[in-house]
Amino acid sequence: MLNIYLARHGETEYNANGNRYCGKTDIGLTPKGMLQAEALHQLVATQQFDAVYCSPLDRARRTAQTAVPDQAIHIDERLIELDFGAWEGKTRTEFIAENEELWTNWNKDPKNNRAGGTGETAGQLIARLDDFIQEVIQKHPQGHILIVAHNGVNRFLMAHLLGLPLQNYRKIKQHNATLTVLEYEETEGFSLVKLNCVYSK
């Protein structure tokens, strides 16, 4: 059995400022985000991972380096956040006011509509994430793998792996620096074991 531990990075200024869409914009963690990453370290301190994979963006790398300071971290471009196009740096209220149709089309069919009109489709995102996951399964048919990525990446990945329609990705919520656990068995596929785990003293 393969156990995949899926973490979201700690808080950023965009998260704290009205939950602005960050996408591929490369910003760091807030002081609160660093504390969250340290709490994630406490949560996984007793777990030995066979491999750790991380998005190349600073907020994810800093979270991973803090959470597992003694392990090698494999940076993988396929884990970079969804490109949100014209929505980057804006709140949902702001960009819906600019062009409500873009948001309506995205919600109905994210697989075939570009986020923000000029960004990625969810289909493009899933293509690179599925390529990554299949490679992970080949390399690690069993064991424990940590993946540190982003809100959009993690939600779409979970929807895809659990067989949910992609337009339902927003029904899965993962908070900053929390841990989700998925099990993979060849005959059963993926199962959700835990969602939004946090460290508590």
C-alpha atoms as a PDB file:
ATOM      1  CA  MET A   1       0.000   0.000   0.000  1.00  0.00           C
ATOM      2  CA  LEU A   2       1.157   3.527  -0.829  1.00  0.00           C
ATOM      3  CA  ASN A   3       0.266   6.310   1.601  1.00  0.00           C
ATOM      4  CA  ILE A   4       0.305   9.822   0.152  1.00  0.00           C
ATOM      5  CA  TYR A   5       0.474  12.697   2.630  1.00  0.00           C
ATOM      6  CA  LEU A   6      -0.758  15.820   0.857  1.00  0.00           C
ATOM      7  CA  ALA A   7       0.063  19.166   2.489  1.00  0.00           C
ATOM      8  CA  ARG A   8      -0.866  22.712   1.547  1.00  0.00           C
ATOM      9  CA  HIS A   9       1.656  25.502   2.121  1.00  0.00           C
ATOM     10  CA  GLY A  10       1.357  27.937   5.042  1.00  0.00           C
ATOM     11  CA  GLU A  11      -0.406  31.288   4.904  1.00  0.00           C
ATOM     12  CA  THR A  12       0.724  33.972   2.436  1.00  0.00           C
ATOM     13  CA  GLU A  13      -0.133  37.675   2.210  1.00  0.00           C
ATOM     14  CA  TYR A  14      -2.597  36.809  -0.552  1.00  0.00           C
ATOM     15  CA  ASN A  15      -4.343  34.284   1.723  1.00  0.00           C
ATOM     16  CA  ALA A  16      -4.504  36.835   4.536  1.00  0.00           C
ATOM     17  CA  ASN A  17      -5.687  39.701   2.294  1.00  0.00           C
ATOM     18  CA  GLY A  18      -9.160  38.603   1.291  1.00  0.00           C
ATOM     19  CA  ASN A  19      -7.969  35.245  -0.067  1.00  0.00           C
ATOM     20  CA  ARG A  20      -6.572  36.693  -3.287  1.00  0.00           C
ATOM     21  CA  TYR A  21      -5.914  34.174  -6.049  1.00  0.00           C
ATOM     22  CA  CYS A  22      -2.190  33.543  -6.055  1.00  0.00           C
ATOM     23  CA  GLY A  23      -1.622  30.950  -8.758  1.00  0.00           C
ATOM     24  CA  LYS A  24       1.890  31.045 -10.212  1.00  0.00           C
ATOM     25  CA  THR A  25       2.679  34.357  -8.505  1.00  0.00           C
ATOM     26  CA  ASP A  26       5.701  33.555  -6.339  1.00  0.00           C
ATOM     27  CA  ILE A  27       5.223  35.060  -2.895  1.00  0.00           C
ATOM     28  CA  GLY A  28       6.482  33.880   0.481  1.00  0.00           C
ATOM     29  CA  LEU A  29       4.936  32.961   3.793  1.00  0.00           C
ATOM     30  CA  THR A  30       3.671  35.385   6.415  1.00  0.00           C
ATOM     31  CA  PRO A  31       4.961  35.047  10.004  1.00  0.00           C
ATOM     32  CA  LYS A  32       1.741  33.134  10.703  1.00  0.00           C
ATOM     33  CA  GLY A  33       2.487  30.922   7.708  1.00  0.00           C
ATOM     34  CA  MET A  34       5.912  30.087   9.128  1.00  0.00           C
ATOM     35  CA  LEU A  35       4.331  29.157  12.449  1.00  0.00           C
ATOM     36  CA  GLN A  36       1.877  26.937  10.577  1.00  0.00           C
ATOM     37  CA  ALA A  37       4.784  25.243   8.775  1.00  0.00           C
ATOM     38  CA  GLU A  38       6.473  24.639  12.133  1.00  0.00           C
ATOM     39  CA  ALA A  39       3.249  23.081  13.427  1.00  0.00           C
ATOM     40  CA  LEU A  40       3.211  20.849  10.346  1.00  0.00           C
ATOM     41  CA  HIS A  41       6.733  19.777  11.305  1.00  0.00           C
ATOM     42  CA  GLN A  42       5.435  18.728  14.725  1.00  0.00           C
ATOM     43  CA  LEU A  43       2.603  16.815  13.080  1.00  0.00           C
ATOM     44  CA  VAL A  44       4.883  14.739  10.835  1.00  0.00           C
ATOM     45  CA  ALA A  45       7.909  14.568  13.157  1.00  0.00           C
ATOM     46  CA  THR A  46       7.484  10.854  13.868  1.00  0.00           C
ATOM     47  CA  GLN A  47       6.738   9.871  10.267  1.00  0.00           C
ATOM     48  CA  GLN A  48       9.604   8.771   8.031  1.00  0.00           C
ATOM     49  CA  PHE A  49       8.887   9.479   4.373  1.00  0.00           C
ATOM     50  CA  ASP A  50      10.304   7.456   1.513  1.00  0.00           C
ATOM     51  CA  ALA A  51      10.311  10.638  -0.600  1.00  0.00           C
ATOM     52  CA  VAL A  52       9.221  14.273  -0.350  1.00  0.00           C
ATOM     53  CA  TYR A  53       7.961  16.169  -3.408  1.00  0.00           C
ATOM     54  CA  CYS A  54       7.277  19.872  -3.581  1.00  0.00           C
ATOM     55  CA  SER A  55       6.116  22.663  -5.872  1.00  0.00           C
ATOM     56  CA  PRO A  56       8.930  25.014  -6.981  1.00  0.00           C
ATOM     57  CA  LEU A  57       7.144  28.109  -5.628  1.00  0.00           C
ATOM     58  CA  ASP A  58       8.685  29.697  -2.534  1.00  0.00           C
ATOM     59  CA  ARG A  59       5.647  29.330  -0.288  1.00  0.00           C
ATOM     60  CA  ALA A  60       5.570  25.565  -0.835  1.00  0.00           C
ATOM     61  CA  ARG A  61       9.352  25.112  -0.646  1.00  0.00           C
ATOM     62  CA  ARG A  62       9.592  27.021   2.644  1.00  0.00           C
ATOM     63  CA  THR A  63       6.755  24.960   4.077  1.00  0.00           C
ATOM     64  CA  ALA A  64       8.389  21.702   3.010  1.00  0.00           C
ATOM     65  CA  GLN A  65      11.846  22.706   4.256  1.00  0.00           C
ATOM     66  CA  THR A  66      10.380  23.637   7.631  1.00  0.00           C
ATOM     67  CA  ALA A  67       8.158  20.574   7.908  1.00  0.00           C
ATOM     68  CA  VAL A  68      10.869  18.020   7.044  1.00  0.00           C
ATOM     69  CA  PRO A  69      14.221  19.797   7.550  1.00  0.00           C
ATOM     70  CA  ASP A  70      16.244  16.578   7.595  1.00  0.00           C
ATOM     71  CA  GLN A  71      14.947  15.052   4.356  1.00  0.00           C
ATOM     72  CA  ALA A  72      15.806  15.614   0.716  1.00  0.00           C
ATOM     73  CA  ILE A  73      13.084  17.532  -1.111  1.00  0.00           C
ATOM     74  CA  HIS A  74      12.428  16.827  -4.786  1.00  0.00           C
ATOM     75  CA  ILE A  75      11.183  19.964  -6.552  1.00  0.00           C
ATOM     76  CA  ASP A  76       8.732  19.081  -9.310  1.00  0.00           C
ATOM     77  CA  GLU A  77       7.420  21.668 -11.771  1.00  0.00           C
ATOM     78  CA  ARG A  78       4.249  19.632 -12.288  1.00  0.00           C
ATOM     79  CA  LEU A  79       3.144  20.573  -8.764  1.00  0.00           C
ATOM     80  CA  ILE A  80       3.159  24.330  -9.425  1.00  0.00           C
ATOM     81  CA  GLU A  81      -0.161  26.036  -8.718  1.00  0.00           C
ATOM     82  CA  LEU A  82      -2.788  26.487 -11.425  1.00  0.00           C
ATOM     83  CA  ASP A  83      -2.252  29.538 -13.624  1.00  0.00           C
ATOM     84  CA  PHE A  84      -5.261  31.731 -12.819  1.00  0.00           C
ATOM     85  CA  GLY A  85      -4.720  34.166 -15.691  1.00  0.00           C
ATOM     86  CA  ALA A  86      -6.461  37.518 -15.186  1.00  0.00           C
ATOM     87  CA  TRP A  87      -7.624  36.398 -11.720  1.00  0.00           C
ATOM     88  CA  GLU A  88      -4.083  36.442 -10.304  1.00  0.00           C
ATOM     89  CA  GLY A  89      -3.784  38.826  -7.352  1.00  0.00           C
ATOM     90  CA  LYS A  90      -7.522  39.529  -7.183  1.00  0.00           C
ATOM     91  CA  THR A  91     -10.280  38.431  -4.849  1.00  0.00           C
ATOM     92  CA  ARG A  92     -13.239  36.525  -6.240  1.00  0.00           C
ATOM     93  CA  THR A  93     -15.482  39.547  -5.628  1.00  0.00           C
ATOM     94  CA  GLU A  94     -13.135  41.746  -7.654  1.00  0.00           C
ATOM     95  CA  PHE A  95     -12.782  39.537 -10.700  1.00  0.00           C
ATOM     96  CA  ILE A  96     -16.440  38.522 -10.833  1.00  0.00           C
ATOM     97  CA  ALA A  97     -17.322  42.226 -10.954  1.00  0.00           C
ATOM     98  CA  GLU A  98     -14.962  42.592 -13.934  1.00  0.00           C
ATOM     99  CA  ASN A  99     -16.257  39.598 -15.895  1.00  0.00           C
ATOM    100  CA  GLU A 100     -18.886  37.376 -14.304  1.00  0.00           C
ATOM    101  CA  GLU A 101     -19.146  35.158 -17.392  1.00  0.00           C
ATOM    102  CA  LEU A 102     -15.580  33.887 -16.981  1.00  0.00           C
ATOM    103  CA  TRP A 103     -16.378  32.696 -13.447  1.00  0.00           C
ATOM    104  CA  THR A 104     -19.691  31.153 -14.511  1.00  0.00           C
ATOM    105  CA  ASN A 105     -18.053  29.212 -17.345  1.00  0.00           C
ATOM    106  CA  TRP A 106     -15.212  28.072 -15.080  1.00  0.00           C
ATOM    107  CA  ASN A 107     -17.619  26.809 -12.420  1.00  0.00           C
ATOM    108  CA  LYS A 108     -19.694  24.893 -14.961  1.00  0.00           C
ATOM    109  CA  ASP A 109     -16.776  23.291 -16.782  1.00  0.00           C
ATOM    110  CA  PRO A 110     -13.290  23.992 -15.389  1.00  0.00           C
ATOM    111  CA  LYS A 111     -11.871  21.095 -17.393  1.00  0.00           C
ATOM    112  CA  ASN A 112     -12.361  22.963 -20.674  1.00  0.00           C
ATOM    113  CA  ASN A 113     -12.394  26.633 -19.640  1.00  0.00           C
ATOM    114  CA  ARG A 114      -9.294  28.685 -18.880  1.00  0.00           C
ATOM    115  CA  ALA A 115      -9.093  30.161 -15.387  1.00  0.00           C
ATOM    116  CA  GLY A 116      -9.244  33.924 -15.654  1.00  0.00           C
ATOM    117  CA  GLY A 117      -9.732  33.633 -19.414  1.00  0.00           C
ATOM    118  CA  THR A 118      -6.005  33.330 -20.137  1.00  0.00           C
ATOM    119  CA  GLY A 119      -4.785  30.823 -17.536  1.00  0.00           C
ATOM    120  CA  GLU A 120      -4.834  27.035 -17.487  1.00  0.00           C
ATOM    121  CA  THR A 121      -7.804  24.746 -17.840  1.00  0.00           C
ATOM    122  CA  ALA A 122      -8.358  22.162 -15.130  1.00  0.00           C
ATOM    123  CA  GLY A 123      -7.834  19.575 -17.863  1.00  0.00           C
ATOM    124  CA  GLN A 124      -4.305  20.877 -18.423  1.00  0.00           C
ATOM    125  CA  LEU A 125      -3.658  20.857 -14.690  1.00  0.00           C
ATOM    126  CA  ILE A 126      -4.927  17.296 -14.285  1.00  0.00           C
ATOM    127  CA  ALA A 127      -2.780  16.129 -17.214  1.00  0.00           C
ATOM    128  CA  ARG A 128       0.421  17.228 -15.497  1.00  0.00           C
ATOM    129  CA  LEU A 129      -0.708  16.076 -12.053  1.00  0.00           C
ATOM    130  CA  ASP A 130      -1.748  12.649 -13.330  1.00  0.00           C
ATOM    131  CA  ASP A 131       1.611  12.296 -15.068  1.00  0.00           C
ATOM    132  CA  PHE A 132       3.286  13.099 -11.743  1.00  0.00           C
ATOM    133  CA  ILE A 133       1.141  10.692  -9.705  1.00  0.00           C
ATOM    134  CA  GLN A 134       1.622   7.797 -12.121  1.00  0.00           C
ATOM    135  CA  GLU A 135       5.378   8.339 -11.911  1.00  0.00           C
ATOM    136  CA  VAL A 136       5.203   8.353  -8.102  1.00  0.00           C
ATOM    137  CA  ILE A 137       3.253   5.085  -8.108  1.00  0.00           C
ATOM    138  CA  GLN A 138       5.852   3.494 -10.378  1.00  0.00           C
ATOM    139  CA  LYS A 139       8.727   4.636  -8.182  1.00  0.00           C
ATOM    140  CA  HIS A 140       7.014   3.958  -4.870  1.00  0.00           C
ATOM    141  CA  PRO A 141       4.457   1.135  -5.135  1.00  0.00           C
ATOM    142  CA  GLN A 142       4.316   1.136  -1.341  1.00  0.00           C
ATOM    143  CA  GLY A 143       5.475   3.284   1.551  1.00  0.00           C
ATOM    144  CA  HIS A 144       4.914   6.882   2.620  1.00  0.00           C
ATOM    145  CA  ILE A 145       5.215   9.929   0.356  1.00  0.00           C
ATOM    146  CA  LEU A 146       4.856  13.600   1.306  1.00  0.00           C
ATOM    147  CA  ILE A 147       3.664  16.116  -1.302  1.00  0.00           C
ATOM    148  CA  VAL A 148       3.671  19.851  -0.484  1.00  0.00           C
ATOM    149  CA  ALA A 149       1.678  21.911  -2.956  1.00  0.00           C
ATOM    150  CA  HIS A 150      -1.190  24.377  -3.269  1.00  0.00           C
ATOM    151  CA  ASN A 151      -4.899  24.868  -2.725  1.00  0.00           C
ATOM    152  CA  GLY A 152      -5.957  24.520  -6.364  1.00  0.00           C
ATOM    153  CA  VAL A 153      -3.519  21.709  -7.097  1.00  0.00           C
ATOM    154  CA  ASN A 154      -4.497  19.700  -4.040  1.00  0.00           C
ATOM    155  CA  ARG A 155      -8.254  20.125  -4.466  1.00  0.00           C
ATOM    156  CA  PHE A 156      -8.223  19.194  -8.146  1.00  0.00           C
ATOM    157  CA  LEU A 157      -5.858  16.304  -7.457  1.00  0.00           C
ATOM    158  CA  MET A 158      -8.136  14.912  -4.754  1.00  0.00           C
ATOM    159  CA  ALA A 159     -11.226  15.309  -6.936  1.00  0.00           C
ATOM    160  CA  HIS A 160      -9.456  13.500  -9.787  1.00  0.00           C
ATOM    161  CA  LEU A 161      -8.037  10.664  -7.672  1.00  0.00           C
ATOM    162  CA  LEU A 162     -11.351  10.087  -5.879  1.00  0.00           C
ATOM    163  CA  GLY A 163     -13.374  10.083  -9.101  1.00  0.00           C
ATOM    164  CA  LEU A 164     -15.334  13.285  -8.432  1.00  0.00           C
ATOM    165  CA  PRO A 165     -16.477  15.590 -11.246  1.00  0.00           C
ATOM    166  CA  LEU A 166     -13.868  18.331 -11.575  1.00  0.00           C
ATOM    167  CA  GLN A 167     -16.510  21.043 -11.225  1.00  0.00           C
ATOM    168  CA  ASN A 168     -16.954  19.823  -7.634  1.00  0.00           C
ATOM    169  CA  TYR A 169     -13.335  20.552  -6.661  1.00  0.00           C
ATOM    170  CA  ARG A 170     -14.376  23.524  -4.509  1.00  0.00           C
ATOM    171  CA  LYS A 171     -16.440  21.199  -2.310  1.00  0.00           C
ATOM    172  CA  ILE A 172     -13.135  19.878  -0.950  1.00  0.00           C
ATOM    173  CA  LYS A 173     -11.457  22.347   1.398  1.00  0.00           C
ATOM    174  CA  GLN A 174      -7.871  22.099   2.575  1.00  0.00           C
ATOM    175  CA  HIS A 175      -6.610  24.733   4.991  1.00  0.00           C
ATOM    176  CA  ASN A 176      -3.119  26.198   5.083  1.00  0.00           C
ATOM    177  CA  ALA A 177      -0.391  23.851   6.344  1.00  0.00           C
ATOM    178  CA  THR A 178      -2.814  21.012   7.049  1.00  0.00           C
ATOM    179  CA  LEU A 179      -2.256  17.406   6.082  1.00  0.00           C
ATOM    180  CA  THR A 180      -4.504  15.099   4.079  1.00  0.00           C
ATOM    181  CA  VAL A 181      -3.814  11.374   3.757  1.00  0.00           C
ATOM    182  CA  LEU A 182      -4.732   9.203   0.770  1.00  0.00           C
ATOM    183  CA  GLU A 183      -4.163   5.465   0.439  1.00  0.00           C
ATOM    184  CA  TYR A 184      -3.452   3.776  -2.864  1.00  0.00           C
ATOM    185  CA  GLU A 185      -3.939   0.078  -3.554  1.00  0.00           C
ATOM    186  CA  GLU A 186      -3.615  -1.308  -7.059  1.00  0.00           C
ATOM    187  CA  THR A 187      -6.953  -3.118  -6.943  1.00  0.00           C
ATOM    188  CA  GLU A 188      -8.920  -0.412  -5.097  1.00  0.00           C
ATOM    189  CA  GLY A 189      -7.325   2.794  -6.369  1.00  0.00           C
ATOM    190  CA  PHE A 190      -7.282   5.846  -4.092  1.00  0.00           C
ATOM    191  CA  SER A 191      -9.174   6.288  -0.823  1.00  0.00           C
ATOM    192  CA  LEU A 192      -9.370   9.370   1.402  1.00  0.00           C
ATOM    193  CA  VAL A 193      -8.217   8.499   4.920  1.00  0.00           C
ATOM    194  CA  LYS A 194      -7.783  11.867   6.661  1.00  0.00           C
ATOM    195  CA  LEU A 195      -8.495  15.505   5.765  1.00  0.00           C
ATOM    196  CA  ASN A 196      -7.120  18.724   7.271  1.00  0.00           C
ATOM    197  CA  CYS A 197      -5.038  17.191  10.059  1.00  0.00           C
ATOM    198  CA  VAL A 198      -3.298  19.714  12.325  1.00  0.00           C
ATOM    199  CA  TYR A 199      -0.882  19.499  15.242  1.00  0.00           C
ATOM    200  CA  SER A 200      -2.352  20.073  18.681  1.00  0.00           C
ATOM    201  CA  LYS A 201      -0.339  20.140  21.892  1.00  0.00           C
END
